[in-house]
All heavy atoms as atom14 arrays in JSON, in Angstrom:
{
  "sequence": "AGNLISDVHSGLLGETDLRFSDRYALDAIDVIFMCSGHGHSHQYWIDN",
  "atom14_mask": [
    [1, 1, 1, 1, 1, 0, 0, 0, 0, 0, 0, 0, 0, 0],
    [1, 1, 1, 1, 0, 0, 0, 0, 0, 0, 0, 0, 0, 0],
    [1, 1, 1, 1, 1, 1, 1, 1, 0, 0, 0, 0, 0, 0],
    [1, 1, 1, 1, 1, 1, 1, 1, 0, 0, 0, 0, 0, 0],
    [1, 1, 1, 1, 1, 1, 1, 1, 0, 0, 0, 0, 0, 0],
    [1, 1, 1, 1, 1, 1, 0, 0, 0, 0, 0, 0, 0, 0],
    [1, 1, 1, 1, 1, 1, 1, 1, 0, 0, 0, 0, 0, 0],
    [1, 1, 1, 1, 1, 1, 1, 0, 0, 0, 0, 0, 0, 0],
    [1, 1, 1, 1, 1, 1, 1, 1, 1, 1, 0, 0, 0, 0],
    [1, 1, 1, 1, 1, 1, 0, 0, 0, 0, 0, 0, 0, 0],
    [1, 1, 1, 1, 0, 0, 0, 0, 0, 0, 0, 0, 0, 0],
    [1, 1, 1, 1, 1, 1, 1, 1, 0, 0, 0, 0, 0, 0],
    [1, 1, 1, 1, 1, 1, 1, 1, 0, 0, 0, 0, 0, 0],
    [1, 1, 1, 1, 0, 0, 0, 0, 0, 0, 0, 0, 0, 0],
    [1, 1, 1, 1, 1, 1, 1, 1, 1, 0, 0, 0, 0, 0],
    [1, 1, 1, 1, 1, 1, 1, 0, 0, 0, 0, 0, 0, 0],
    [1, 1, 1, 1, 1, 1, 1, 1, 0, 0, 0, 0, 0, 0],
    [1, 1, 1, 1, 1, 1, 1, 1, 0, 0, 0, 0, 0, 0],
    [1, 1, 1, 1, 1, 1, 1, 1, 1, 1, 1, 0, 0, 0],
    [1, 1, 1, 1, 1, 1, 1, 1, 1, 1, 1, 0, 0, 0],
    [1, 1, 1, 1, 1, 1, 0, 0, 0, 0, 0, 0, 0, 0],
    [1, 1, 1, 1, 1, 1, 1, 1, 0, 0, 0, 0, 0, 0],
    [1, 1, 1, 1, 1, 1, 1, 1, 1, 1, 1, 0, 0, 0],
    [1, 1, 1, 1, 1, 1, 1, 1, 1, 1, 1, 1, 0, 0],
    [1, 1, 1, 1, 1, 0, 0, 0, 0, 0, 0, 0, 0, 0],
    [1, 1, 1, 1, 1, 1, 1, 1, 0, 0, 0, 0, 0, 0],
    [1, 1, 1, 1, 1, 1, 1, 1, 0, 0, 0, 0, 0, 0],
    [1, 1, 1, 1, 1, 0, 0, 0, 0, 0, 0, 0, 0, 0],
    [1, 1, 1, 1, 1, 1, 1, 1, 0, 0, 0, 0, 0, 0],
    [1, 1, 1, 1, 1, 1, 1, 1, 0, 0, 0, 0, 0, 0],
    [1, 1, 1, 1, 1, 1, 1, 0, 0, 0, 0, 0, 0, 0],
    [1, 1, 1, 1, 1, 1, 1, 1, 0, 0, 0, 0, 0, 0],
    [1, 1, 1, 1, 1, 1, 1, 1, 1, 1, 1, 0, 0, 0],
    [1, 1, 1, 1, 1, 1, 1, 1, 0, 0, 0, 0, 0, 0],
    [1, 1, 1, 1, 1, 1, 0, 0, 0, 0, 0, 0, 0, 0],
    [1, 1, 1, 1, 1, 1, 0, 0, 0, 0, 0, 0, 0, 0],
    [1, 1, 1, 1, 0, 0, 0, 0, 0, 0, 0, 0, 0, 0],
    [1, 1, 1, 1, 1, 1, 1, 1, 1, 1, 0, 0, 0, 0],
    [1, 1, 1, 1, 0, 0, 0, 0, 0, 0, 0, 0, 0, 0],
    [1, 1, 1, 1, 1, 1, 1, 1, 1, 1, 0, 0, 0, 0],
    [1, 1, 1, 1, 1, 1, 0, 0, 0, 0, 0, 0, 0, 0],
    [1, 1, 1, 1, 1, 1, 1, 1, 1, 1, 0, 0, 0, 0],
    [1, 1, 1, 1, 1, 1, 1, 1, 1, 0, 0, 0, 0, 0],
    [1, 1, 1, 1, 1, 1, 1, 1, 1, 1, 1, 1, 0, 0],
    [1, 1, 1, 1, 1, 1, 1, 1, 1, 1, 1, 1, 1, 1],
    [1, 1, 1, 1, 1, 1, 1, 1, 0, 0, 0, 0, 0, 0],
    [1, 1, 1, 1, 1, 1, 1, 1, 0, 0, 0, 0, 0, 0],
    [1, 1, 1, 1, 1, 1, 1, 1, 0, 0, 0, 0, 0, 0]
  ],
  "atom14_positions": [
    [[-1.29, 8.51, 3.96], [-0.48, 7.98, 5.07], [-1.07, 8.4, 6.41], [-1.38, 9.57, 6.65], [0.95, 8.46, 4.94], [0.0, 0.0, 0.0], [0.0, 0.0, 0.0], [0.0, 0.0, 0.0], [0.0, 0.0, 0.0], [0.0, 0.0, 0.0], [0.0, 0.0, 0.0], [0.0, 0.0, 0.0], [0.0, 0.0, 0.0], [0.0, 0.0, 0.0]],
    [[-1.25, 7.41, 7.29], [-1.81, 7.65, 8.62], [-3.3, 7.46, 8.71], [-3.84, 7.27, 9.8], [0.0, 0.0, 0.0], [0.0, 0.0, 0.0], [0.0, 0.0, 0.0], [0.0, 0.0, 0.0], [0.0, 0.0, 0.0], [0.0, 0.0, 0.0], [0.0, 0.0, 0.0], [0.0, 0.0, 0.0], [0.0, 0.0, 0.0], [0.0, 0.0, 0.0]],
    [[-3.98, 7.5, 7.58], [-5.43, 7.33, 7.58], [-5.81, 5.85, 7.69], [-5.09, 4.97, 7.22], [-6.05, 7.9, 6.3], [-5.9, 9.4, 6.21], [-5.78, 10.08, 7.22], [-5.88, 9.92, 4.98], [0.0, 0.0, 0.0], [0.0, 0.0, 0.0], [0.0, 0.0, 0.0], [0.0, 0.0, 0.0], [0.0, 0.0, 0.0], [0.0, 0.0, 0.0]],
    [[-6.95, 5.6, 8.31], [-7.48, 4.24, 8.34], [-7.79, 3.76, 6.93], [-8.27, 4.53, 6.09], [-8.75, 4.19, 9.18], [-8.58, 4.28, 10.7], [-9.93, 4.56, 11.36], [-7.97, 2.99, 11.25], [0.0, 0.0, 0.0], [0.0, 0.0, 0.0], [0.0, 0.0, 0.0], [0.0, 0.0, 0.0], [0.0, 0.0, 0.0], [0.0, 0.0, 0.0]],
    [[-7.54, 2.48, 6.68], [-7.89, 1.88, 5.39], [-9.38, 2.06, 5.12], [-9.81, 2.37, 4.01], [-7.52, 0.38, 5.37], [-6.03, 0.18, 5.63], [-7.93, -0.25, 4.04], [-5.1, 0.85, 4.67], [0.0, 0.0, 0.0], [0.0, 0.0, 0.0], [0.0, 0.0, 0.0], [0.0, 0.0, 0.0], [0.0, 0.0, 0.0], [0.0, 0.0, 0.0]],
    [[-10.18, 1.9, 6.16], [-11.64, 1.99, 6.0], [-12.13, 3.41, 5.74], [-13.27, 3.61, 5.35], [-12.35, 1.41, 7.23], [-11.92, 2.08, 8.41], [0.0, 0.0, 0.0], [0.0, 0.0, 0.0], [0.0, 0.0, 0.0], [0.0, 0.0, 0.0], [0.0, 0.0, 0.0], [0.0, 0.0, 0.0], [0.0, 0.0, 0.0], [0.0, 0.0, 0.0]],
    [[-11.26, 4.42, 5.96], [-11.64, 5.78, 5.6], [-11.69, 5.95, 4.08], [-12.45, 6.78, 3.57], [-10.64, 6.79, 6.19], [-10.81, 6.97, 7.68], [-11.84, 6.54, 8.22], [-9.88, 7.53, 8.32], [0.0, 0.0, 0.0], [0.0, 0.0, 0.0], [0.0, 0.0, 0.0], [0.0, 0.0, 0.0], [0.0, 0.0, 0.0], [0.0, 0.0, 0.0]],
    [[-10.88, 5.18, 3.38], [-10.84, 5.24, 1.91], [-11.69, 4.13, 1.31], [-12.49, 4.35, 0.41], [-9.39, 5.14, 1.4], [-9.35, 5.03, -0.13], [-8.59, 6.36, 1.86], [0.0, 0.0, 0.0], [0.0, 0.0, 0.0], [0.0, 0.0, 0.0], [0.0, 0.0, 0.0], [0.0, 0.0, 0.0], [0.0, 0.0, 0.0], [0.0, 0.0, 0.0]],
    [[-11.51, 2.91, 1.82], [-12.29, 1.76, 1.35], [-13.4, 1.51, 2.38], [-13.25, 0.67, 3.29], [-11.39, 0.54, 1.18], [-10.25, 0.77, 0.23], [-10.44, 1.06, -1.1], [-8.9, 0.77, 0.44], [-9.26, 1.21, -1.69], [-8.32, 1.05, -0.79], [0.0, 0.0, 0.0], [0.0, 0.0, 0.0], [0.0, 0.0, 0.0], [0.0, 0.0, 0.0]],
    [[-14.49, 2.23, 2.26], [-15.52, 2.23, 3.3], [-16.18, 0.87, 3.48], [-16.74, 0.57, 4.54], [-16.59, 3.29, 2.99], [-17.2, 3.04, 1.73], [0.0, 0.0, 0.0], [0.0, 0.0, 0.0], [0.0, 0.0, 0.0], [0.0, 0.0, 0.0], [0.0, 0.0, 0.0], [0.0, 0.0, 0.0], [0.0, 0.0, 0.0], [0.0, 0.0, 0.0]],
    [[-16.12, 0.02, 2.46], [-16.68, -1.32, 2.58], [-15.91, -2.19, 3.55], [-16.37, -3.28, 3.91], [0.0, 0.0, 0.0], [0.0, 0.0, 0.0], [0.0, 0.0, 0.0], [0.0, 0.0, 0.0], [0.0, 0.0, 0.0], [0.0, 0.0, 0.0], [0.0, 0.0, 0.0], [0.0, 0.0, 0.0], [0.0, 0.0, 0.0], [0.0, 0.0, 0.0]],
    [[-14.74, -1.73, 3.99], [-13.93, -2.49, 4.95], [-14.11, -2.0, 6.38], [-13.39, -2.45, 7.27], [-12.45, -2.4, 4.55], [-12.09, -3.03, 3.2], [-10.62, -2.81, 2.88], [-12.42, -4.52, 3.19], [0.0, 0.0, 0.0], [0.0, 0.0, 0.0], [0.0, 0.0, 0.0], [0.0, 0.0, 0.0], [0.0, 0.0, 0.0], [0.0, 0.0, 0.0]],
    [[-15.06, -1.11, 6.6], [-15.34, -0.65, 7.96], [-15.74, -1.85, 8.83], [-16.65, -2.61, 8.49], [-16.47, 0.38, 7.95], [-16.87, 0.97, 9.3], [-15.71, 1.75, 9.9], [-18.11, 1.86, 9.17], [0.0, 0.0, 0.0], [0.0, 0.0, 0.0], [0.0, 0.0, 0.0], [0.0, 0.0, 0.0], [0.0, 0.0, 0.0], [0.0, 0.0, 0.0]],
    [[-15.04, -2.0, 9.94], [-15.3, -3.14, 10.82], [-14.5, -4.37, 10.48], [-14.46, -5.33, 11.26], [0.0, 0.0, 0.0], [0.0, 0.0, 0.0], [0.0, 0.0, 0.0], [0.0, 0.0, 0.0], [0.0, 0.0, 0.0], [0.0, 0.0, 0.0], [0.0, 0.0, 0.0], [0.0, 0.0, 0.0], [0.0, 0.0, 0.0], [0.0, 0.0, 0.0]],
    [[-13.84, -4.36, 9.31], [-13.05, -5.52, 8.86], [-11.59, -5.42, 9.29], [-10.92, -6.44, 9.46], [-13.12, -5.65, 7.34], [-14.5, -5.95, 6.79], [-14.98, -7.34, 7.15], [-14.15, -8.27, 7.17], [-16.18, -7.5, 7.42], [0.0, 0.0, 0.0], [0.0, 0.0, 0.0], [0.0, 0.0, 0.0], [0.0, 0.0, 0.0], [0.0, 0.0, 0.0]],
    [[-11.08, -4.18, 9.4], [-9.66, -4.0, 9.73], [-9.43, -2.65, 10.38], [-10.17, -1.69, 10.11], [-8.8, -4.12, 8.45], [-7.42, -3.94, 8.81], [-9.19, -3.07, 7.42], [0.0, 0.0, 0.0], [0.0, 0.0, 0.0], [0.0, 0.0, 0.0], [0.0, 0.0, 0.0], [0.0, 0.0, 0.0], [0.0, 0.0, 0.0], [0.0, 0.0, 0.0]],
    [[-8.42, -2.59, 11.24], [-7.99, -1.32, 11.8], [-6.63, -0.9, 11.24], [-5.95, -0.02, 11.79], [-7.94, -1.37, 13.33], [-7.01, -2.46, 13.85], [-6.38, -3.16, 13.03], [-6.9, -2.62, 15.09], [0.0, 0.0, 0.0], [0.0, 0.0, 0.0], [0.0, 0.0, 0.0], [0.0, 0.0, 0.0], [0.0, 0.0, 0.0], [0.0, 0.0, 0.0]],
    [[-6.21, -1.51, 10.15], [-4.96, -1.14, 9.49], [-5.03, 0.29, 8.98], [-6.11, 0.8, 8.64], [-4.69, -2.07, 8.31], [-4.21, -3.49, 8.62], [-4.24, -4.35, 7.37], [-2.79, -3.45, 9.21], [0.0, 0.0, 0.0], [0.0, 0.0, 0.0], [0.0, 0.0, 0.0], [0.0, 0.0, 0.0], [0.0, 0.0, 0.0], [0.0, 0.0, 0.0]],
    [[-3.85, 0.92, 8.91], [-3.74, 2.27, 8.38], [-2.77, 2.29, 7.2], [-1.86, 1.45, 7.11], [-3.25, 3.24, 9.47], [-4.25, 3.44, 10.6], [-3.7, 4.39, 11.66], [-4.67, 4.57, 12.75], [-5.59, 5.52, 12.77], [-5.66, 6.4, 11.76], [-6.45, 5.61, 13.77], [0.0, 0.0, 0.0], [0.0, 0.0, 0.0], [0.0, 0.0, 0.0]],
    [[-2.96, 3.25, 6.31], [-2.01, 3.46, 5.23], [-0.67, 3.94, 5.79], [-0.64, 4.63, 6.83], [-2.53, 4.51, 4.24], [-3.71, 4.08, 3.43], [-4.99, 4.54, 3.73], [-3.55, 3.21, 2.36], [-6.08, 4.15, 2.99], [-4.64, 2.81, 1.6], [-5.91, 3.29, 1.91], [0.0, 0.0, 0.0], [0.0, 0.0, 0.0], [0.0, 0.0, 0.0]],
    [[0.39, 3.6, 5.1], [1.71, 3.99, 5.54], [2.51, 4.56, 4.36], [2.29, 4.16, 3.22], [2.46, 2.78, 6.11], [3.8, 3.11, 6.41], [0.0, 0.0, 0.0], [0.0, 0.0, 0.0], [0.0, 0.0, 0.0], [0.0, 0.0, 0.0], [0.0, 0.0, 0.0], [0.0, 0.0, 0.0], [0.0, 0.0, 0.0], [0.0, 0.0, 0.0]],
    [[3.4, 5.5, 4.64], [4.33, 5.96, 3.6], [5.73, 5.42, 3.87], [6.69, 5.81, 3.19], [4.35, 7.49, 3.51], [4.77, 8.15, 4.82], [4.98, 7.43, 5.82], [4.88, 9.39, 4.83], [0.0, 0.0, 0.0], [0.0, 0.0, 0.0], [0.0, 0.0, 0.0], [0.0, 0.0, 0.0], [0.0, 0.0, 0.0], [0.0, 0.0, 0.0]],
    [[5.86, 4.53, 4.86], [7.13, 3.89, 5.16], [6.95, 2.37, 5.12], [5.91, 1.86, 5.55], [7.64, 4.31, 6.54], [7.91, 5.8, 6.65], [8.44, 6.15, 8.03], [8.68, 7.58, 8.17], [9.17, 8.16, 9.25], [9.47, 7.42, 10.31], [9.35, 9.47, 9.29], [0.0, 0.0, 0.0], [0.0, 0.0, 0.0], [0.0, 0.0, 0.0]],
    [[7.96, 1.69, 4.65], [7.87, 0.24, 4.56], [9.26, -0.33, 4.31], [10.19, 0.39, 3.93], [6.92, -0.19, 3.44], [7.28, 0.42, 2.09], [8.17, -0.22, 1.24], [6.73, 1.62, 1.69], [8.51, 0.34, 0.02], [7.06, 2.19, 0.47], [7.95, 1.54, -0.36], [8.3, 2.09, -1.56], [0.0, 0.0, 0.0], [0.0, 0.0, 0.0]],
    [[9.39, -1.64, 4.52], [10.65, -2.34, 4.28], [10.38, -3.55, 3.39], [9.62, -4.45, 3.79], [11.28, -2.77, 5.6], [0.0, 0.0, 0.0], [0.0, 0.0, 0.0], [0.0, 0.0, 0.0], [0.0, 0.0, 0.0], [0.0, 0.0, 0.0], [0.0, 0.0, 0.0], [0.0, 0.0, 0.0], [0.0, 0.0, 0.0], [0.0, 0.0, 0.0]],
    [[10.96, -3.57, 2.22], [10.71, -4.67, 1.29], [11.27, -5.99, 1.8], [10.77, -7.06, 1.43], [11.32, -4.34, -0.08], [10.7, -3.16, -0.83], [11.38, -2.96, -2.18], [9.19, -3.36, -1.03], [0.0, 0.0, 0.0], [0.0, 0.0, 0.0], [0.0, 0.0, 0.0], [0.0, 0.0, 0.0], [0.0, 0.0, 0.0], [0.0, 0.0, 0.0]],
    [[12.3, -5.93, 2.65], [12.86, -7.18, 3.16], [12.02, -7.77, 4.31], [12.36, -8.82, 4.85], [14.3, -6.99, 3.6], [14.48, -5.9, 4.66], [13.45, -5.33, 5.1], [15.62, -5.62, 5.04], [0.0, 0.0, 0.0], [0.0, 0.0, 0.0], [0.0, 0.0, 0.0], [0.0, 0.0, 0.0], [0.0, 0.0, 0.0], [0.0, 0.0, 0.0]],
    [[10.9, -7.11, 4.65], [10.01, -7.62, 5.7], [8.83, -8.39, 5.14], [7.98, -8.85, 5.89], [9.51, -6.47, 6.56], [0.0, 0.0, 0.0], [0.0, 0.0, 0.0], [0.0, 0.0, 0.0], [0.0, 0.0, 0.0], [0.0, 0.0, 0.0], [0.0, 0.0, 0.0], [0.0, 0.0, 0.0], [0.0, 0.0, 0.0], [0.0, 0.0, 0.0]],
    [[8.77, -8.52, 3.81], [7.63, -9.18, 3.18], [8.1, -10.27, 2.22], [9.26, -10.32, 1.82], [6.73, -8.17, 2.42], [7.55, -7.42, 1.38], [6.08, -7.21, 3.41], [6.72, -6.51, 0.48], [0.0, 0.0, 0.0], [0.0, 0.0, 0.0], [0.0, 0.0, 0.0], [0.0, 0.0, 0.0], [0.0, 0.0, 0.0], [0.0, 0.0, 0.0]],
    [[7.15, -11.15, 1.87], [7.43, -12.24, 0.93], [6.96, -11.91, -0.48], [7.52, -12.41, -1.46], [6.72, -13.53, 1.39], [7.15, -13.94, 2.79], [8.36, -14.1, 3.0], [6.27, -14.1, 3.66], [0.0, 0.0, 0.0], [0.0, 0.0, 0.0], [0.0, 0.0, 0.0], [0.0, 0.0, 0.0], [0.0, 0.0, 0.0], [0.0, 0.0, 0.0]],
    [[5.9, -11.11, -0.58], [5.31, -10.8, -1.89], [4.76, -9.39, -1.85], [4.22, -8.95, -0.82], [4.2, -11.82, -2.26], [3.11, -11.89, -1.22], [3.62, -11.51, -3.64], [0.0, 0.0, 0.0], [0.0, 0.0, 0.0], [0.0, 0.0, 0.0], [0.0, 0.0, 0.0], [0.0, 0.0, 0.0], [0.0, 0.0, 0.0], [0.0, 0.0, 0.0]],
    [[4.93, -8.68, -2.97], [4.42, -7.32, -3.07], [3.46, -7.23, -4.25], [3.72, -7.78, -5.33], [5.56, -6.3, -3.21], [5.03, -4.86, -3.08], [6.35, -6.48, -4.51], [6.12, -3.83, -2.87], [0.0, 0.0, 0.0], [0.0, 0.0, 0.0], [0.0, 0.0, 0.0], [0.0, 0.0, 0.0], [0.0, 0.0, 0.0], [0.0, 0.0, 0.0]],
    [[2.33, -6.58, -4.03], [1.35, -6.31, -5.08], [1.5, -4.86, -5.5], [1.39, -3.95, -4.67], [-0.06, -6.57, -4.58], [-0.41, -8.01, -4.36], [-0.14, -8.61, -3.13], [-0.99, -8.78, -5.36], [-0.45, -9.95, -2.91], [-1.3, -10.11, -5.14], [-1.03, -10.7, -3.92], [0.0, 0.0, 0.0], [0.0, 0.0, 0.0], [0.0, 0.0, 0.0]],
    [[1.71, -4.65, -6.8], [1.85, -3.31, -7.34], [0.51, -2.88, -7.92], [0.07, -3.4, -8.95], [2.93, -3.28, -8.42], [4.27, -3.88, -7.99], [5.05, -2.97, -6.65], [5.41, -1.41, -7.46], [0.0, 0.0, 0.0], [0.0, 0.0, 0.0], [0.0, 0.0, 0.0], [0.0, 0.0, 0.0], [0.0, 0.0, 0.0], [0.0, 0.0, 0.0]],
    [[-0.16, -1.93, -7.26], [-1.5, -1.51, -7.66], [-1.54, -0.06, -8.13], [-2.63, 0.53, -8.23], [-2.48, -1.7, -6.5], [-2.69, -3.4, -5.97], [0.0, 0.0, 0.0], [0.0, 0.0, 0.0], [0.0, 0.0, 0.0], [0.0, 0.0, 0.0], [0.0, 0.0, 0.0], [0.0, 0.0, 0.0], [0.0, 0.0, 0.0], [0.0, 0.0, 0.0]],
    [[-0.38, 0.54, -8.39], [-0.35, 1.92, -8.87], [-0.74, 1.96, -10.34], [-0.87, 0.93, -11.0], [1.04, 2.51, -8.68], [1.39, 2.56, -7.31], [0.0, 0.0, 0.0], [0.0, 0.0, 0.0], [0.0, 0.0, 0.0], [0.0, 0.0, 0.0], [0.0, 0.0, 0.0], [0.0, 0.0, 0.0], [0.0, 0.0, 0.0], [0.0, 0.0, 0.0]],
    [[-0.89, 3.17, -10.87], [-1.3, 3.34, -12.25], [-0.23, 2.88, -13.23], [0.94, 2.66, -12.87], [0.0, 0.0, 0.0], [0.0, 0.0, 0.0], [0.0, 0.0, 0.0], [0.0, 0.0, 0.0], [0.0, 0.0, 0.0], [0.0, 0.0, 0.0], [0.0, 0.0, 0.0], [0.0, 0.0, 0.0], [0.0, 0.0, 0.0], [0.0, 0.0, 0.0]],
    [[-0.64, 2.72, -14.48], [0.28, 2.26, -15.52], [1.46, 3.21, -15.65], [1.31, 4.43, -15.64], [-0.46, 2.15, -16.85], [-1.66, 1.25, -16.8], [-1.6, -0.03, -16.29], [-2.95, 1.43, -17.19], [-2.81, -0.59, -16.37], [-3.63, 0.28, -16.89], [0.0, 0.0, 0.0], [0.0, 0.0, 0.0], [0.0, 0.0, 0.0], [0.0, 0.0, 0.0]],
    [[2.66, 2.62, -15.76], [3.87, 3.4, -15.9], [4.63, 3.59, -14.6], [5.84, 3.83, -14.61], [0.0, 0.0, 0.0], [0.0, 0.0, 0.0], [0.0, 0.0, 0.0], [0.0, 0.0, 0.0], [0.0, 0.0, 0.0], [0.0, 0.0, 0.0], [0.0, 0.0, 0.0], [0.0, 0.0, 0.0], [0.0, 0.0, 0.0], [0.0, 0.0, 0.0]],
    [[3.95, 3.43, -13.46], [4.61, 3.67, -12.17], [5.49, 2.5, -11.75], [6.5, 2.7, -11.07], [3.56, 3.94, -11.09], [2.84, 5.24, -11.25], [3.35, 6.43, -10.77], [1.67, 5.55, -11.85], [2.52, 7.41, -11.07], [1.49, 6.9, -11.72], [0.0, 0.0, 0.0], [0.0, 0.0, 0.0], [0.0, 0.0, 0.0], [0.0, 0.0, 0.0]],
    [[5.12, 1.28, -12.12], [5.86, 0.11, -11.66], [7.29, 0.1, -12.21], [8.25, -0.2, -11.48], [5.15, -1.18, -12.09], [3.87, -1.26, -11.5], [0.0, 0.0, 0.0], [0.0, 0.0, 0.0], [0.0, 0.0, 0.0], [0.0, 0.0, 0.0], [0.0, 0.0, 0.0], [0.0, 0.0, 0.0], [0.0, 0.0, 0.0], [0.0, 0.0, 0.0]],
    [[7.41, 0.4, -13.48], [8.74, 0.42, -14.09], [9.66, 1.38, -13.36], [10.81, 1.05, -13.02], [8.62, 0.79, -15.57], [9.91, 0.7, -16.31], [10.75, 1.79, -16.47], [10.53, -0.34, -16.93], [11.82, 1.42, -17.14], [11.72, 0.14, -17.43], [0.0, 0.0, 0.0], [0.0, 0.0, 0.0], [0.0, 0.0, 0.0], [0.0, 0.0, 0.0]],
    [[9.18, 2.57, -13.07], [9.98, 3.57, -12.37], [10.26, 3.14, -10.93], [11.35, 3.4, -10.41], [9.27, 4.92, -12.39], [10.1, 6.06, -11.81], [11.4, 6.3, -12.57], [11.39, 6.33, -13.82], [12.51, 6.43, -11.86], [0.0, 0.0, 0.0], [0.0, 0.0, 0.0], [0.0, 0.0, 0.0], [0.0, 0.0, 0.0], [0.0, 0.0, 0.0]],
    [[9.29, 2.48, -10.31], [9.46, 2.04, -8.92], [10.68, 1.15, -8.79], [11.48, 1.3, -7.84], [8.21, 1.32, -8.44], [8.31, 0.84, -7.01], [7.91, 1.66, -5.96], [8.81, -0.42, -6.7], [8.01, 1.25, -4.64], [8.91, -0.86, -5.39], [8.51, -0.02, -4.36], [8.62, -0.44, -3.06], [0.0, 0.0, 0.0], [0.0, 0.0, 0.0]],
    [[10.88, 0.22, -9.71], [11.99, -0.71, -9.6], [13.3, -0.12, -10.09], [14.36, -0.7, -9.86], [11.66, -2.01, -10.32], [10.52, -2.73, -9.65], [9.3, -3.0, -10.15], [10.52, -3.23, -8.31], [8.52, -3.63, -9.22], [9.25, -3.79, -8.08], [11.46, -3.26, -7.28], [8.9, -4.38, -6.86], [11.11, -3.84, -6.06], [9.84, -4.39, -5.86]],
    [[13.24, 1.02, -10.72], [14.47, 1.78, -10.97], [14.93, 2.45, -9.68], [16.13, 2.51, -9.37], [14.24, 2.84, -12.08], [14.0, 2.15, -13.43], [15.41, 3.81, -12.16], [13.64, 3.11, -14.54], [0.0, 0.0, 0.0], [0.0, 0.0, 0.0], [0.0, 0.0, 0.0], [0.0, 0.0, 0.0], [0.0, 0.0, 0.0], [0.0, 0.0, 0.0]],
    [[13.94, 2.93, -8.91], [14.24, 3.68, -7.69], [14.47, 2.81, -6.46], [15.05, 3.27, -5.47], [13.09, 4.65, -7.38], [12.9, 5.7, -8.47], [13.85, 5.96, -9.22], [11.77, 6.24, -8.57], [0.0, 0.0, 0.0], [0.0, 0.0, 0.0], [0.0, 0.0, 0.0], [0.0, 0.0, 0.0], [0.0, 0.0, 0.0], [0.0, 0.0, 0.0]],
    [[14.01, 1.56, -6.48], [14.06, 0.71, -5.3], [14.71, -0.65, -5.61], [14.23, -1.35, -6.52], [12.65, 0.46, -4.75], [11.99, 1.73, -4.26], [12.18, 2.15, -3.13], [11.22, 2.37, -5.14], [0.0, 0.0, 0.0], [0.0, 0.0, 0.0], [0.0, 0.0, 0.0], [0.0, 0.0, 0.0], [0.0, 0.0, 0.0], [0.0, 0.0, 0.0]]
  ]
}
């Protein structure tokens, strides 16, 4: 959280100035991509 996306995904240097976030609102988006490890998605929708 707070780090530049390109600090982790170095191939995106110069492509975006977006940063990782630990805060978000699901009602502000149309579609969500779940890219966490196996087993995390099921728990995520129990908690959210």
